């Protein structure tokens, strides 16, 4: 048994993580911005295919539930999790429309759409990005190596420079946790300033961040 070969996956992950550290400020900014928007009544929509669907649903679970400490729940929907809608849309309109049509149904101006893709080339995610931008939503993506079509179709993207899809997905989870940590930090800081962040569903105080 070759111990070097056995540790290759970990070595590739460590190399990719070292490069991904430069993305920490972006992930932190995303988390803070989500706290501001969702705290003011906006909604987060997320989508992905396969393993990326699981990562996307992890993000919504942390926001609707909690990441570490107790706090109010926030509106976050994983579009791929609605199996009846996704299968009906795929059957009637084609697989490419499964996320775009749900984005049209649930998205509103000022909401955020987060798309996860290791390839950055999934047609159904590209269609959802186009629909979200038409509505007036912000579109962010977690992808594999740049450049890729999804990166170009979104307002912002965090791109993992790694050759293996497994490594990309592992760092997407790191990004999800960084976003959630920044979200909680921003929320906690916001509630210490009277009226900065209302309870979800209540109108934001005029002049709040």
Foldseek 3Di string as FASTA:
>chain_A
DDVVVVCPVVVLLVVLVVVLVVCLVVLLVLLLLCLQLQLQAAAEEEEEPDLQLVLLVVLQCCQQANQPDDDHHTHYYYQVVPPVQQVVCCVPPNNLQSQLVVCVVPPAASHEYEYEEAQLEDNNLLSNLVSCVVRHYAYEYQYEDDDHNNCVSGPHYRYGDGDDSVSSSVVSNVSSSSSRVSNVVSNVVQVVPPQQGHRHPDHGDPPHD
